[in-house]
Amino acid sequence: MRADAQRNRDRLLDAAVRAFSQDGPEVTLDAIAKDAGVGIGTLYRHFPTREALIEAAYRSELARLCDSVGELLAAQPPDAALRTWMDRFVDYMATKRGMSDALRVVIASGVNPYAQSRDRLTAAIAALLEAGVEAGTIRPDARAGDVLLGLGGVTMAAGERDQAGRLLDLLLDGLRYRAG
């Protein structure tokens, strides 16, 4: 894909995430194209249907979260990288909840946008945990699936962002307990 076409696609996905999270599935595709600074024809060239755009927007958010692991580990100690990633997970879940009505439209069309989500999230967490175990900052018996379940619980239980942060701190403290 040409660089300008990739930029247009990325802007469309960002605009779609915002629109579907705030306005739900009934937001017009014209409004999304306008917010992205492109014409409706450009939107349809990249995403021929509303469902294709919704699915791509969701998958883009998932990829952004999962693909950030390497960058975080390069910039921070493993336990700090894990905590930063946990914050990003909470943001991802908030976006996913905001897009839930739009995602139901995709599911109704016969597509499962979540098909790869658990595997990708578990792999991202496993990489963070492995780095922490190697550094001696994360306990060696921590399992990625358990951490994912805990993160999901935090996002469901927390009433506000500050509370989620405190719960994430507790979860990380548990992962550090008896490390090294």
N, C-alpha and C. Protein backbone atom coordinates (compact mmCIF):
# COMPACT_ATOMS: atom_id res chain seq x y z
N MET A 1 0.85 -1.18 0.00
CA MET A 1 0.00 0.00 0.00
C MET A 1 0.89 1.25 0.00
N ARG A 2 0.54 2.21 -0.83
CA ARG A 2 1.29 3.46 -0.87
C ARG A 2 1.19 4.15 0.49
N ALA A 3 2.18 4.98 0.78
CA ALA A 3 2.24 5.66 2.08
C ALA A 3 1.02 6.55 2.31
N ASP A 4 0.58 7.27 1.28
CA ASP A 4 -0.58 8.15 1.46
C ASP A 4 -1.85 7.33 1.66
N ALA A 5 -1.96 6.19 0.98
CA ALA A 5 -3.13 5.34 1.17
C ALA A 5 -3.14 4.74 2.58
N GLN A 6 -1.96 4.38 3.09
CA GLN A 6 -1.87 3.85 4.45
C GLN A 6 -2.25 4.92 5.47
N ARG A 7 -1.79 6.14 5.25
CA ARG A 7 -2.16 7.25 6.15
C ARG A 7 -3.67 7.47 6.16
N ASN A 8 -4.27 7.45 4.97
CA ASN A 8 -5.73 7.61 4.88
C ASN A 8 -6.44 6.48 5.61
N ARG A 9 -5.97 5.26 5.43
CA ARG A 9 -6.58 4.11 6.11
C ARG A 9 -6.46 4.26 7.63
N ASP A 10 -5.28 4.64 8.09
CA ASP A 10 -5.07 4.82 9.53
C ASP A 10 -5.97 5.93 10.10
N ARG A 11 -6.09 7.03 9.36
CA ARG A 11 -6.97 8.12 9.81
C ARG A 11 -8.42 7.67 9.84
N LEU A 12 -8.83 6.88 8.85
CA LEU A 12 -10.20 6.36 8.83
C LEU A 12 -10.45 5.45 10.03
N LEU A 13 -9.50 4.60 10.35
CA LEU A 13 -9.68 3.70 11.49
C LEU A 13 -9.76 4.47 12.80
N ASP A 14 -8.90 5.47 12.97
CA ASP A 14 -8.95 6.29 14.18
C ASP A 14 -10.29 7.02 14.30
N ALA A 15 -10.74 7.58 13.20
CA ALA A 15 -12.03 8.29 13.19
C ALA A 15 -13.18 7.33 13.46
N ALA A 16 -13.09 6.13 12.91
CA ALA A 16 -14.15 5.13 13.10
C ALA A 16 -14.22 4.70 14.57
N VAL A 17 -13.08 4.46 15.19
CA VAL A 17 -13.08 4.07 16.60
C VAL A 17 -13.75 5.16 17.44
N ARG A 18 -13.36 6.40 17.21
CA ARG A 18 -13.98 7.51 17.95
C ARG A 18 -15.48 7.55 17.71
N ALA A 19 -15.88 7.48 16.46
CA ALA A 19 -17.29 7.63 16.10
C ALA A 19 -18.13 6.48 16.65
N PHE A 20 -17.69 5.25 16.43
CA PHE A 20 -18.47 4.10 16.90
C PHE A 20 -18.51 4.04 18.43
N SER A 21 -17.42 4.48 19.08
CA SER A 21 -17.39 4.49 20.55
C SER A 21 -18.33 5.54 21.12
N GLN A 22 -18.40 6.69 20.47
CA GLN A 22 -19.21 7.79 20.99
C GLN A 22 -20.65 7.76 20.49
N ASP A 23 -20.84 7.42 19.22
CA ASP A 23 -22.16 7.56 18.61
C ASP A 23 -22.84 6.24 18.27
N GLY A 24 -22.11 5.13 18.40
CA GLY A 24 -22.69 3.83 18.11
C GLY A 24 -22.72 3.52 16.63
N PRO A 25 -23.37 2.43 16.26
CA PRO A 25 -23.33 1.96 14.88
C PRO A 25 -24.10 2.83 13.90
N GLU A 26 -24.95 3.71 14.41
CA GLU A 26 -25.76 4.52 13.50
C GLU A 26 -25.03 5.75 12.96
N VAL A 27 -23.81 6.01 13.41
CA VAL A 27 -23.06 7.15 12.88
C VAL A 27 -22.92 6.97 11.37
N THR A 28 -22.99 8.07 10.64
CA THR A 28 -22.90 7.96 9.18
C THR A 28 -21.45 7.76 8.74
N LEU A 29 -21.30 7.03 7.66
CA LEU A 29 -19.97 6.85 7.11
C LEU A 29 -19.43 8.16 6.55
N ASP A 30 -20.32 9.02 6.08
CA ASP A 30 -19.89 10.35 5.64
C ASP A 30 -19.24 11.12 6.78
N ALA A 31 -19.82 11.04 7.98
CA ALA A 31 -19.25 11.74 9.14
C ALA A 31 -17.87 11.19 9.48
N ILE A 32 -17.70 9.89 9.36
CA ILE A 32 -16.40 9.28 9.65
C ILE A 32 -15.37 9.75 8.62
N ALA A 33 -15.75 9.72 7.35
CA ALA A 33 -14.84 10.16 6.29
C ALA A 33 -14.46 11.63 6.50
N LYS A 34 -15.43 12.45 6.83
CA LYS A 34 -15.16 13.88 7.05
C LYS A 34 -14.21 14.06 8.22
N ASP A 35 -14.46 13.35 9.33
CA ASP A 35 -13.58 13.45 10.50
C ASP A 35 -12.15 13.01 10.16
N ALA A 36 -12.03 12.04 9.27
CA ALA A 36 -10.70 11.55 8.87
C ALA A 36 -10.04 12.46 7.84
N GLY A 37 -10.81 13.39 7.30
CA GLY A 37 -10.26 14.30 6.30
C GLY A 37 -10.12 13.69 4.92
N VAL A 38 -11.00 12.73 4.62
CA VAL A 38 -10.98 12.08 3.30
C VAL A 38 -12.39 12.08 2.73
N GLY A 39 -12.49 11.76 1.47
CA GLY A 39 -13.81 11.65 0.84
C GLY A 39 -14.43 10.29 1.09
N ILE A 40 -15.73 10.21 0.87
CA ILE A 40 -16.46 8.96 1.09
C ILE A 40 -15.95 7.86 0.15
N GLY A 41 -15.51 8.23 -1.05
CA GLY A 41 -14.96 7.24 -1.98
C GLY A 41 -13.71 6.57 -1.42
N THR A 42 -12.89 7.35 -0.74
CA THR A 42 -11.68 6.80 -0.12
C THR A 42 -12.07 5.81 0.98
N LEU A 43 -13.09 6.15 1.75
CA LEU A 43 -13.56 5.23 2.79
C LEU A 43 -14.00 3.92 2.15
N TYR A 44 -14.82 4.00 1.12
CA TYR A 44 -15.33 2.77 0.49
C TYR A 44 -14.25 1.97 -0.23
N ARG A 45 -13.19 2.63 -0.71
CA ARG A 45 -12.09 1.89 -1.32
C ARG A 45 -11.38 1.01 -0.29
N HIS A 46 -11.27 1.51 0.92
CA HIS A 46 -10.61 0.75 1.98
C HIS A 46 -11.57 -0.22 2.68
N PHE A 47 -12.82 0.21 2.84
CA PHE A 47 -13.79 -0.58 3.61
C PHE A 47 -15.12 -0.58 2.86
N PRO A 48 -15.38 -1.63 2.08
CA PRO A 48 -16.55 -1.63 1.20
C PRO A 48 -17.89 -1.67 1.93
N THR A 49 -17.89 -2.06 3.21
CA THR A 49 -19.14 -2.10 3.96
C THR A 49 -18.93 -1.51 5.35
N ARG A 50 -20.02 -1.12 5.97
CA ARG A 50 -19.99 -0.62 7.34
C ARG A 50 -19.38 -1.69 8.26
N GLU A 51 -19.78 -2.94 8.06
CA GLU A 51 -19.29 -4.03 8.91
C GLU A 51 -17.78 -4.19 8.77
N ALA A 52 -17.28 -4.05 7.54
CA ALA A 52 -15.83 -4.17 7.31
C ALA A 52 -15.08 -3.06 8.06
N LEU A 53 -15.64 -1.87 8.08
CA LEU A 53 -15.01 -0.76 8.79
C LEU A 53 -15.04 -1.00 10.30
N ILE A 54 -16.17 -1.43 10.82
CA ILE A 54 -16.27 -1.69 12.26
C ILE A 54 -15.27 -2.77 12.68
N GLU A 55 -15.25 -3.87 11.93
CA GLU A 55 -14.33 -4.96 12.26
C GLU A 55 -12.88 -4.49 12.19
N ALA A 56 -12.53 -3.76 11.16
CA ALA A 56 -11.15 -3.27 11.01
C ALA A 56 -10.79 -2.29 12.13
N ALA A 57 -11.74 -1.47 12.54
CA ALA A 57 -11.47 -0.52 13.62
C ALA A 57 -11.19 -1.27 14.92
N TYR A 58 -12.00 -2.28 15.21
CA TYR A 58 -11.78 -3.07 16.41
C TYR A 58 -10.43 -3.79 16.34
N ARG A 59 -10.15 -4.44 15.23
CA ARG A 59 -8.89 -5.18 15.09
C ARG A 59 -7.68 -4.25 15.15
N SER A 60 -7.85 -3.03 14.67
CA SER A 60 -6.78 -2.04 14.74
C SER A 60 -6.45 -1.69 16.19
N GLU A 61 -7.48 -1.53 17.00
CA GLU A 61 -7.26 -1.24 18.42
C GLU A 61 -6.58 -2.41 19.12
N LEU A 62 -7.01 -3.63 18.80
CA LEU A 62 -6.40 -4.82 19.36
C LEU A 62 -4.92 -4.89 18.97
N ALA A 63 -4.63 -4.67 17.70
CA ALA A 63 -3.25 -4.72 17.22
C ALA A 63 -2.40 -3.63 17.88
N ARG A 64 -2.96 -2.45 18.01
CA ARG A 64 -2.21 -1.35 18.64
C ARG A 64 -1.79 -1.74 20.06
N LEU A 65 -2.70 -2.34 20.80
CA LEU A 65 -2.41 -2.77 22.16
C LEU A 65 -1.36 -3.89 22.17
N CYS A 66 -1.61 -4.94 21.42
CA CYS A 66 -0.72 -6.11 21.45
C CYS A 66 0.66 -5.80 20.87
N ASP A 67 0.69 -4.99 19.84
CA ASP A 67 1.96 -4.67 19.20
C ASP A 67 2.82 -3.70 19.99
N SER A 68 2.27 -3.12 21.05
CA SER A 68 3.03 -2.16 21.86
C SER A 68 4.00 -2.83 22.82
N VAL A 69 3.92 -4.14 22.98
CA VAL A 69 4.76 -4.85 23.95
C VAL A 69 6.24 -4.61 23.71
N GLY A 70 6.70 -4.79 22.48
CA GLY A 70 8.12 -4.62 22.18
C GLY A 70 8.61 -3.22 22.49
N GLU A 71 7.84 -2.23 22.11
CA GLU A 71 8.19 -0.83 22.38
C GLU A 71 8.27 -0.58 23.89
N LEU A 72 7.32 -1.11 24.63
CA LEU A 72 7.32 -0.91 26.08
C LEU A 72 8.51 -1.59 26.73
N LEU A 73 8.82 -2.82 26.32
CA LEU A 73 9.95 -3.54 26.90
C LEU A 73 11.29 -2.88 26.55
N ALA A 74 11.35 -2.23 25.40
CA ALA A 74 12.58 -1.54 25.01
C ALA A 74 12.79 -0.26 25.81
N ALA A 75 11.70 0.31 26.30
CA ALA A 75 11.78 1.61 26.97
C ALA A 75 11.75 1.54 28.49
N GLN A 76 11.26 0.42 29.05
CA GLN A 76 11.05 0.35 30.49
C GLN A 76 11.49 -1.01 31.03
N PRO A 77 11.76 -1.07 32.34
CA PRO A 77 11.97 -2.39 32.94
C PRO A 77 10.70 -3.23 32.76
N PRO A 78 10.83 -4.55 32.72
CA PRO A 78 9.68 -5.40 32.41
C PRO A 78 8.45 -5.19 33.31
N ASP A 79 8.64 -5.02 34.61
CA ASP A 79 7.46 -4.85 35.47
C ASP A 79 6.79 -3.51 35.21
N ALA A 80 7.55 -2.47 34.93
CA ALA A 80 6.97 -1.17 34.58
C ALA A 80 6.28 -1.24 33.22
N ALA A 81 6.89 -1.97 32.28
CA ALA A 81 6.27 -2.14 30.96
C ALA A 81 4.93 -2.87 31.10
N LEU A 82 4.89 -3.88 31.97
CA LEU A 82 3.65 -4.61 32.20
C LEU A 82 2.58 -3.67 32.77
N ARG A 83 2.96 -2.83 33.72
CA ARG A 83 1.98 -1.92 34.33
C ARG A 83 1.46 -0.91 33.31
N THR A 84 2.35 -0.39 32.47
CA THR A 84 1.92 0.54 31.41
C THR A 84 0.98 -0.17 30.45
N TRP A 85 1.31 -1.41 30.09
CA TRP A 85 0.46 -2.18 29.19
C TRP A 85 -0.91 -2.41 29.83
N MET A 86 -0.94 -2.67 31.13
CA MET A 86 -2.21 -2.86 31.83
C MET A 86 -3.10 -1.62 31.69
N ASP A 87 -2.50 -0.44 31.82
CA ASP A 87 -3.27 0.80 31.62
C ASP A 87 -3.83 0.86 30.21
N ARG A 88 -3.03 0.49 29.25
CA ARG A 88 -3.48 0.49 27.87
C ARG A 88 -4.60 -0.53 27.66
N PHE A 89 -4.53 -1.65 28.37
CA PHE A 89 -5.58 -2.66 28.28
C PHE A 89 -6.91 -2.08 28.78
N VAL A 90 -6.86 -1.33 29.88
CA VAL A 90 -8.08 -0.71 30.41
C VAL A 90 -8.67 0.25 29.38
N ASP A 91 -7.82 1.02 28.72
CA ASP A 91 -8.30 1.93 27.67
C ASP A 91 -8.90 1.15 26.50
N TYR A 92 -8.24 0.08 26.11
CA TYR A 92 -8.74 -0.78 25.04
C TYR A 92 -10.12 -1.33 25.38
N MET A 93 -10.28 -1.80 26.61
CA MET A 93 -11.57 -2.35 27.03
C MET A 93 -12.66 -1.27 27.04
N ALA A 94 -12.30 -0.07 27.45
CA ALA A 94 -13.28 1.02 27.43
C ALA A 94 -13.72 1.31 25.99
N THR A 95 -12.77 1.29 25.07
CA THR A 95 -13.10 1.50 23.65
C THR A 95 -13.97 0.36 23.15
N LYS A 96 -13.61 -0.86 23.51
CA LYS A 96 -14.38 -2.03 23.08
C LYS A 96 -15.81 -1.95 23.61
N ARG A 97 -15.97 -1.55 24.86
CA ARG A 97 -17.33 -1.39 25.41
C ARG A 97 -18.08 -0.31 24.66
N GLY A 98 -17.38 0.80 24.35
CA GLY A 98 -18.01 1.87 23.60
C GLY A 98 -18.44 1.44 22.21
N MET A 99 -17.71 0.51 21.65
CA MET A 99 -18.03 0.02 20.30
C MET A 99 -18.95 -1.19 20.32
N SER A 100 -19.43 -1.60 21.48
CA SER A 100 -20.17 -2.87 21.59
C SER A 100 -21.39 -2.93 20.68
N ASP A 101 -22.15 -1.85 20.58
CA ASP A 101 -23.32 -1.87 19.69
C ASP A 101 -22.90 -2.04 18.23
N ALA A 102 -21.84 -1.34 17.86
CA ALA A 102 -21.35 -1.47 16.49
C ALA A 102 -20.80 -2.87 16.23
N LEU A 103 -20.12 -3.45 17.21
CA LEU A 103 -19.59 -4.80 17.05
C LEU A 103 -20.70 -5.84 16.94
N ARG A 104 -21.83 -5.59 17.59
CA ARG A 104 -22.97 -6.51 17.46
C ARG A 104 -23.47 -6.55 16.02
N VAL A 105 -23.38 -5.43 15.31
CA VAL A 105 -23.77 -5.38 13.90
C VAL A 105 -22.87 -6.33 13.09
N VAL A 106 -21.58 -6.32 13.41
CA VAL A 106 -20.64 -7.20 12.70
C VAL A 106 -20.96 -8.66 13.00
N ILE A 107 -21.22 -8.96 14.26
CA ILE A 107 -21.53 -10.34 14.66
C ILE A 107 -22.81 -10.81 13.97
N ALA A 108 -23.80 -9.93 13.89
CA ALA A 108 -25.07 -10.28 13.23
C ALA A 108 -24.86 -10.58 11.74
N SER A 109 -23.80 -10.02 11.16
CA SER A 109 -23.52 -10.28 9.74
C SER A 109 -22.79 -11.62 9.54
N GLY A 110 -22.50 -12.31 10.64
CA GLY A 110 -21.87 -13.62 10.53
C GLY A 110 -20.37 -13.64 10.73
N VAL A 111 -19.79 -12.52 11.14
CA VAL A 111 -18.35 -12.43 11.35
C VAL A 111 -18.08 -12.34 12.85
N ASN A 112 -17.05 -13.03 13.32
CA ASN A 112 -16.67 -12.95 14.73
C ASN A 112 -15.42 -12.08 14.86
N PRO A 113 -15.58 -10.80 15.23
CA PRO A 113 -14.41 -9.94 15.33
C PRO A 113 -13.48 -10.32 16.48
N TYR A 114 -13.96 -11.13 17.40
CA TYR A 114 -13.17 -11.51 18.56
C TYR A 114 -12.39 -12.80 18.37
N ALA A 115 -12.46 -13.39 17.20
CA ALA A 115 -11.90 -14.73 16.97
C ALA A 115 -10.45 -14.86 17.41
N GLN A 116 -9.64 -13.85 17.19
CA GLN A 116 -8.22 -13.94 17.51
C GLN A 116 -7.85 -13.14 18.75
N SER A 117 -8.80 -12.46 19.35
CA SER A 117 -8.49 -11.54 20.44
C SER A 117 -7.81 -12.22 21.62
N ARG A 118 -8.40 -13.28 22.12
CA ARG A 118 -7.84 -13.92 23.31
C ARG A 118 -6.41 -14.41 23.06
N ASP A 119 -6.17 -15.03 21.92
CA ASP A 119 -4.83 -15.52 21.61
C ASP A 119 -3.83 -14.38 21.53
N ARG A 120 -4.20 -13.30 20.88
CA ARG A 120 -3.28 -12.15 20.74
C ARG A 120 -3.01 -11.51 22.10
N LEU A 121 -4.05 -11.34 22.91
CA LEU A 121 -3.87 -10.73 24.23
C LEU A 121 -3.03 -11.63 25.14
N THR A 122 -3.30 -12.91 25.11
CA THR A 122 -2.54 -13.85 25.94
C THR A 122 -1.07 -13.87 25.52
N ALA A 123 -0.80 -13.85 24.24
CA ALA A 123 0.59 -13.82 23.77
C ALA A 123 1.31 -12.54 24.20
N ALA A 124 0.61 -11.42 24.15
CA ALA A 124 1.22 -10.15 24.57
C ALA A 124 1.56 -10.20 26.06
N ILE A 125 0.62 -10.68 26.86
CA ILE A 125 0.86 -10.77 28.30
C ILE A 125 1.99 -11.77 28.58
N ALA A 126 2.00 -12.89 27.88
CA ALA A 126 3.05 -13.89 28.08
C ALA A 126 4.44 -13.29 27.82
N ALA A 127 4.58 -12.49 26.79
CA ALA A 127 5.87 -11.85 26.49
C ALA A 127 6.28 -10.92 27.63
N LEU A 128 5.33 -10.17 28.16
CA LEU A 128 5.63 -9.27 29.28
C LEU A 128 6.01 -10.05 30.53
N LEU A 129 5.28 -11.12 30.80
CA LEU A 129 5.58 -11.94 31.97
C LEU A 129 6.95 -12.61 31.83
N GLU A 130 7.25 -13.16 30.67
CA GLU A 130 8.55 -13.81 30.45
C GLU A 130 9.69 -12.83 30.70
N ALA A 131 9.56 -11.63 30.19
CA ALA A 131 10.61 -10.63 30.40
C ALA A 131 10.75 -10.31 31.88
N GLY A 132 9.63 -10.24 32.60
CA GLY A 132 9.68 -9.98 34.03
C GLY A 132 10.29 -11.12 34.81
N VAL A 133 9.97 -12.33 34.43
CA VAL A 133 10.57 -13.50 35.10
C VAL A 133 12.08 -13.51 34.88
N GLU A 134 12.51 -13.27 33.64
CA GLU A 134 13.94 -13.23 33.32
C GLU A 134 14.66 -12.14 34.11
N ALA A 135 13.98 -11.00 34.33
CA ALA A 135 14.58 -9.89 35.08
C ALA A 135 14.47 -10.10 36.59
N GLY A 136 13.71 -11.10 37.01
CA GLY A 136 13.54 -11.37 38.43
C GLY A 136 12.54 -10.46 39.12
N THR A 137 11.67 -9.81 38.32
CA THR A 137 10.69 -8.88 38.91
C THR A 137 9.26 -9.42 38.91
N ILE A 138 9.05 -10.53 38.22
CA ILE A 138 7.71 -11.14 38.15
C ILE A 138 7.87 -12.60 38.59
N ARG A 139 6.93 -13.05 39.39
CA ARG A 139 6.98 -14.42 39.89
C ARG A 139 6.90 -15.43 38.74
N PRO A 140 7.64 -16.51 38.84
CA PRO A 140 7.73 -17.45 37.72
C PRO A 140 6.47 -18.30 37.48
N ASP A 141 5.58 -18.35 38.45
CA ASP A 141 4.38 -19.18 38.26
C ASP A 141 3.19 -18.41 37.70
N ALA A 142 3.41 -17.14 37.33
CA ALA A 142 2.32 -16.33 36.76
C ALA A 142 1.96 -16.85 35.38
N ARG A 143 0.68 -16.98 35.12
CA ARG A 143 0.19 -17.46 33.83
C ARG A 143 -0.53 -16.34 33.10
N ALA A 144 -0.26 -16.24 31.82
CA ALA A 144 -0.84 -15.17 31.01
C ALA A 144 -2.36 -15.21 31.01
N GLY A 145 -2.95 -16.39 30.92
CA GLY A 145 -4.41 -16.51 30.93
C GLY A 145 -5.02 -16.01 32.23
N ASP A 146 -4.34 -16.29 33.35
CA ASP A 146 -4.83 -15.81 34.64
C ASP A 146 -4.75 -14.28 34.73
N VAL A 147 -3.66 -13.73 34.22
CA VAL A 147 -3.50 -12.27 34.23
C VAL A 147 -4.57 -11.63 33.36
N LEU A 148 -4.83 -12.21 32.20
CA LEU A 148 -5.88 -11.68 31.32
C LEU A 148 -7.23 -11.71 32.02
N LEU A 149 -7.52 -12.79 32.70
CA LEU A 149 -8.77 -12.88 33.46
C LEU A 149 -8.83 -11.81 34.54
N GLY A 150 -7.73 -11.61 35.24
CA GLY A 150 -7.67 -10.57 36.26
C GLY A 150 -7.86 -9.18 35.68
N LEU A 151 -7.25 -8.91 34.55
CA LEU A 151 -7.41 -7.61 33.89
C LEU A 151 -8.86 -7.39 33.47
N GLY A 152 -9.47 -8.44 32.94
CA GLY A 152 -10.88 -8.34 32.56
C GLY A 152 -11.74 -8.03 33.78
N GLY A 153 -11.44 -8.68 34.90
CA GLY A 153 -12.18 -8.42 36.13
C GLY A 153 -12.02 -6.99 36.60
N VAL A 154 -10.80 -6.48 36.52
CA VAL A 154 -10.56 -5.09 36.92
C VAL A 154 -11.41 -4.15 36.07
N THR A 155 -11.41 -4.38 34.76
CA THR A 155 -12.16 -3.46 33.89
C THR A 155 -13.66 -3.55 34.13
N MET A 156 -14.14 -4.72 34.54
CA MET A 156 -15.58 -4.88 34.80
C MET A 156 -15.96 -4.31 36.16
N ALA A 157 -15.07 -4.43 37.14
CA ALA A 157 -15.41 -4.06 38.51
C ALA A 157 -15.15 -2.59 38.82
N ALA A 158 -14.17 -2.01 38.19
CA ALA A 158 -13.79 -0.64 38.54
C ALA A 158 -14.86 0.35 38.12
N GLY A 159 -15.23 1.21 39.03
CA GLY A 159 -16.24 2.21 38.74
C GLY A 159 -15.68 3.44 38.06
N GLU A 160 -14.39 3.66 38.20
CA GLU A 160 -13.76 4.85 37.62
C GLU A 160 -12.30 4.52 37.30
N ARG A 161 -11.68 5.38 36.53
CA ARG A 161 -10.30 5.15 36.08
C ARG A 161 -9.32 5.08 37.25
N ASP A 162 -9.49 5.96 38.25
CA ASP A 162 -8.59 5.94 39.41
C ASP A 162 -8.68 4.61 40.15
N GLN A 163 -9.89 4.11 40.30
CA GLN A 163 -10.07 2.83 40.98
C GLN A 163 -9.43 1.70 40.16
N ALA A 164 -9.58 1.75 38.86
CA ALA A 164 -8.94 0.75 38.01
C ALA A 164 -7.43 0.78 38.20
N GLY A 165 -6.85 1.96 38.29
CA GLY A 165 -5.42 2.09 38.51
C GLY A 165 -4.98 1.46 39.83
N ARG A 166 -5.76 1.69 40.86
CA ARG A 166 -5.42 1.09 42.16
C ARG A 166 -5.51 -0.43 42.10
N LEU A 167 -6.53 -0.94 41.42
CA LEU A 167 -6.67 -2.39 41.29
C LEU A 167 -5.54 -2.99 40.45
N LEU A 168 -5.12 -2.27 39.42
CA LEU A 168 -4.00 -2.74 38.61
C LEU A 168 -2.71 -2.78 39.44
N ASP A 169 -2.54 -1.78 40.31
CA ASP A 169 -1.37 -1.78 41.20
C ASP A 169 -1.37 -3.01 42.09
N LEU A 170 -2.55 -3.36 42.62
CA LEU A 170 -2.65 -4.55 43.45
C LEU A 170 -2.35 -5.82 42.64
N LEU A 171 -2.87 -5.90 41.44
CA LEU A 171 -2.60 -7.05 40.59
C LEU A 171 -1.10 -7.17 40.31
N LEU A 172 -0.46 -6.06 39.98
CA LEU A 172 0.97 -6.10 39.72
C LEU A 172 1.75 -6.48 40.99
N ASP A 173 1.35 -5.97 42.14
CA ASP A 173 2.02 -6.36 43.38
C ASP A 173 1.94 -7.87 43.58
N GLY A 174 0.80 -8.47 43.26
CA GLY A 174 0.66 -9.91 43.35
C GLY A 174 1.57 -10.64 42.38
N LEU A 175 1.78 -10.07 41.21
CA LEU A 175 2.67 -10.69 40.23
C LEU A 175 4.14 -10.54 40.64
N ARG A 176 4.44 -9.54 41.44
CA ARG A 176 5.81 -9.34 41.92
C ARG A 176 6.12 -10.20 43.16
N TYR A 177 5.09 -10.60 43.88
CA TYR A 177 5.26 -11.33 45.13
C TYR A 177 6.05 -12.62 44.88
N ARG A 178 7.10 -12.78 45.64
CA ARG A 178 8.02 -13.93 45.55
C ARG A 178 8.74 -14.02 44.20
N ALA A 179 8.91 -12.90 43.55
CA ALA A 179 9.68 -12.89 42.30
C ALA A 179 11.15 -13.06 42.64
N GLY A 180 11.88 -13.62 41.69
CA GLY A 180 13.33 -13.72 41.83
C GLY A 180 13.70 -14.52 42.98
